[in-house]
C-alpha atoms as a PDB file:
ATOM      1  CA  MET A   1      17.682  12.766   1.914  1.00  0.00           C
ATOM      2  CA  ALA A   2      14.692  14.124   4.123  1.00  0.00           C
ATOM      3  CA  ILE A   3      11.342  14.256   2.418  1.00  0.00           C
ATOM      4  CA  GLU A   4      10.373  17.811   2.046  1.00  0.00           C
ATOM      5  CA  PRO A   5       6.573  18.949   1.223  1.00  0.00           C
ATOM      6  CA  ARG A   6       7.861  20.427  -2.140  1.00  0.00           C
ATOM      7  CA  HIS A   7       8.728  16.867  -3.178  1.00  0.00           C
ATOM      8  CA  TYR A   8       4.801  15.862  -2.966  1.00  0.00           C
ATOM      9  CA  ASP A   9       4.427  19.277  -4.933  1.00  0.00           C
ATOM     10  CA  THR A  10       6.954  18.023  -7.668  1.00  0.00           C
ATOM     11  CA  ILE A  11       5.214  14.539  -8.268  1.00  0.00           C
ATOM     12  CA  LEU A  12       1.452  14.953  -8.935  1.00  0.00           C
ATOM     13  CA  SER A  13       0.497  11.451  -9.722  1.00  0.00           C
ATOM     14  CA  PRO A  14       1.761   8.243 -11.970  1.00  0.00           C
ATOM     15  CA  VAL A  15       0.362   7.904 -15.234  1.00  0.00           C
ATOM     16  CA  ILE A  16      -1.177   4.270 -15.732  1.00  0.00           C
ATOM     17  CA  THR A  17      -1.783   3.446 -19.028  1.00  0.00           C
ATOM     18  CA  GLU A  18      -0.542   0.453 -21.331  1.00  0.00           C
ATOM     19  CA  LYS A  19       2.248   2.295 -22.763  1.00  0.00           C
ATOM     20  CA  ALA A  20       3.400   3.295 -19.294  1.00  0.00           C
ATOM     21  CA  THR A  21       2.935  -0.353 -18.165  1.00  0.00           C
ATOM     22  CA  MET A  22       4.863  -1.699 -20.839  1.00  0.00           C
ATOM     23  CA  LEU A  23       7.816   0.612 -19.769  1.00  0.00           C
ATOM     24  CA  SER A  24       7.801  -0.391 -16.130  1.00  0.00           C
ATOM     25  CA  GLU A  25       8.827  -3.878 -17.400  1.00  0.00           C
ATOM     26  CA  VAL A  26      12.332  -2.113 -18.239  1.00  0.00           C
ATOM     27  CA  ASP A  27      12.763   0.125 -15.425  1.00  0.00           C
ATOM     28  CA  LYS A  28      10.993   3.266 -16.196  1.00  0.00           C
ATOM     29  CA  VAL A  29       8.191   4.700 -14.651  1.00  0.00           C
ATOM     30  CA  VAL A  30       6.018   7.742 -16.066  1.00  0.00           C
ATOM     31  CA  PHE A  31       4.700  10.600 -13.465  1.00  0.00           C
ATOM     32  CA  LYS A  32       2.627  13.619 -14.076  1.00  0.00           C
ATOM     33  CA  VAL A  33       4.432  16.651 -12.944  1.00  0.00           C
ATOM     34  CA  PRO A  34       3.765  20.423 -13.015  1.00  0.00           C
ATOM     35  CA  LEU A  35       4.693  22.294 -15.843  1.00  0.00           C
ATOM     36  CA  SER A  36       7.210  24.376 -14.289  1.00  0.00           C
ATOM     37  CA  ALA A  37       9.238  21.489 -12.803  1.00  0.00           C
ATOM     38  CA  THR A  38      12.720  20.814 -13.932  1.00  0.00           C
ATOM     39  CA  LYS A  39      14.701  17.396 -14.397  1.00  0.00           C
ATOM     40  CA  PRO A  40      16.977  18.023 -11.443  1.00  0.00           C
ATOM     41  CA  GLN A  41      13.662  18.548  -9.330  1.00  0.00           C
ATOM     42  CA  ILE A  42      11.993  15.533 -10.585  1.00  0.00           C
ATOM     43  CA  LYS A  43      14.941  13.295  -9.859  1.00  0.00           C
ATOM     44  CA  GLU A  44      15.449  14.433  -6.306  1.00  0.00           C
ATOM     45  CA  ALA A  45      11.608  14.377  -5.569  1.00  0.00           C
ATOM     46  CA  VAL A  46      11.476  10.661  -6.775  1.00  0.00           C
ATOM     47  CA  GLU A  47      14.561   9.388  -5.145  1.00  0.00           C
ATOM     48  CA  ALA A  48      13.287  10.954  -1.635  1.00  0.00           C
ATOM     49  CA  LEU A  49       9.665   9.658  -2.206  1.00  0.00           C
ATOM     50  CA  PHE A  50      10.681   6.200  -3.276  1.00  0.00           C
ATOM     51  CA  LYS A  51      14.030   5.493  -1.949  1.00  0.00           C
ATOM     52  CA  VAL A  52      15.534   4.513  -5.165  1.00  0.00           C
ATOM     53  CA  LYS A  53      18.302   5.691  -7.369  1.00  0.00           C
ATOM     54  CA  VAL A  54      17.464   7.648 -10.461  1.00  0.00           C
ATOM     55  CA  ASN A  55      19.570   7.163 -13.701  1.00  0.00           C
ATOM     56  CA  ALA A  56      17.731   9.601 -16.308  1.00  0.00           C
ATOM     57  CA  VAL A  57      14.479  11.697 -16.374  1.00  0.00           C
ATOM     58  CA  ASN A  58      13.089  12.688 -20.134  1.00  0.00           C
ATOM     59  CA  THR A  59      10.219  15.191 -19.757  1.00  0.00           C
ATOM     60  CA  ILE A  60       7.370  15.666 -22.228  1.00  0.00           C
ATOM     61  CA  ARG A  61       5.126  18.538 -22.408  1.00  0.00           C
ATOM     62  CA  VAL A  62       1.739  17.687 -23.625  1.00  0.00           C
ATOM     63  CA  LEU A  63      -0.524  20.524 -24.813  1.00  0.00           C
ATOM     64  CA  GLY A  64      -4.337  20.093 -24.543  1.00  0.00           C
ATOM     65  CA  LYS A  65      -6.700  19.387 -27.059  1.00  0.00           C
ATOM     66  CA  VAL A  66      -9.288  21.821 -28.589  1.00  0.00           C
ATOM     67  CA  LYS A  67     -12.603  19.892 -27.840  1.00  0.00           C
ATOM     68  CA  ARG A  68     -16.278  20.801 -27.892  1.00  0.00           C
ATOM     69  CA  PHE A  69     -18.047  20.412 -24.614  1.00  0.00           C
ATOM     70  CA  LYS A  70     -22.373  20.507 -25.252  1.00  0.00           C
ATOM     71  CA  GLY A  71     -21.454  22.622 -28.444  1.00  0.00           C
ATOM     72  CA  VAL A  72     -19.230  25.301 -26.634  1.00  0.00           C
ATOM     73  CA  LEU A  73     -15.631  25.283 -27.783  1.00  0.00           C
ATOM     74  CA  GLY A  74     -13.097  24.390 -25.041  1.00  0.00           C
ATOM     75  CA  LYS A  75      -9.491  23.222 -24.377  1.00  0.00           C
ATOM     76  CA  ARG A  76      -7.936  20.692 -22.048  1.00  0.00           C
ATOM     77  CA  VAL A  77      -5.333  21.679 -19.413  1.00  0.00           C
ATOM     78  CA  ASP A  78      -1.627  21.443 -20.776  1.00  0.00           C
ATOM     79  CA  PHE A  79       0.445  19.218 -18.480  1.00  0.00           C
ATOM     80  CA  LYS A  80       4.249  17.348 -18.623  1.00  0.00           C
ATOM     81  CA  LYS A  81       5.092  13.851 -18.006  1.00  0.00           C
ATOM     82  CA  ALA A  82       8.321  12.549 -16.676  1.00  0.00           C
ATOM     83  CA  ILE A  83       9.857   9.489 -17.779  1.00  0.00           C
ATOM     84  CA  VAL A  84      12.045   8.023 -15.150  1.00  0.00           C
ATOM     85  CA  THR A  85      14.912   5.973 -15.574  1.00  0.00           C
ATOM     86  CA  LEU A  86      15.536   3.698 -12.544  1.00  0.00           C
ATOM     87  CA  ASN A  87      18.740   1.845 -11.717  1.00  0.00           C
ATOM     88  CA  GLU A  88      18.890  -1.746 -12.683  1.00  0.00           C
ATOM     89  CA  GLY A  89      16.953  -3.602  -9.789  1.00  0.00           C
ATOM     90  CA  ASP A  90      15.218  -0.853  -8.370  1.00  0.00           C
ATOM     91  CA  SER A  91      11.757  -0.699  -9.020  1.00  0.00           C
ATOM     92  CA  ILE A  92       8.553   1.436  -7.452  1.00  0.00           C
ATOM     93  CA  ASP A  93       5.161  -0.151  -6.740  1.00  0.00           C
ATOM     94  CA  LEU A  94       2.594   2.464  -7.919  1.00  0.00           C
ATOM     95  CA  SER A  95      -0.317   0.217  -6.752  1.00  0.00           C
ATOM     96  CA  THR A  96       0.646   0.682  -3.116  1.00  0.00           C
ATOM     97  CA  GLY A  97       0.760   4.795  -2.979  1.00  0.00           C
ATOM     98  CA  LEU A  98       2.758   7.002  -0.758  1.00  0.00           C
END
């Protein structure tokens, strides 16, 4: 499977939070993906970019919060998170980058 430029468009960035770090201990990795990305596209991109075998992909659509910025009402951007479950024994080191 060759790395194509669209794979880099599918995986925007890793999510580095306390909860995502706890998931990495059980062979799960969390990525920020475009709202239009589908589960098969995410699976193909992760397998091509990181050379691992993916068992499952779960997605979560996170709606932006309405906040006030200097008294003006604004809204944060909506985004999608993908929780990727890897085969046992596979791992992705997010600290090295691509």
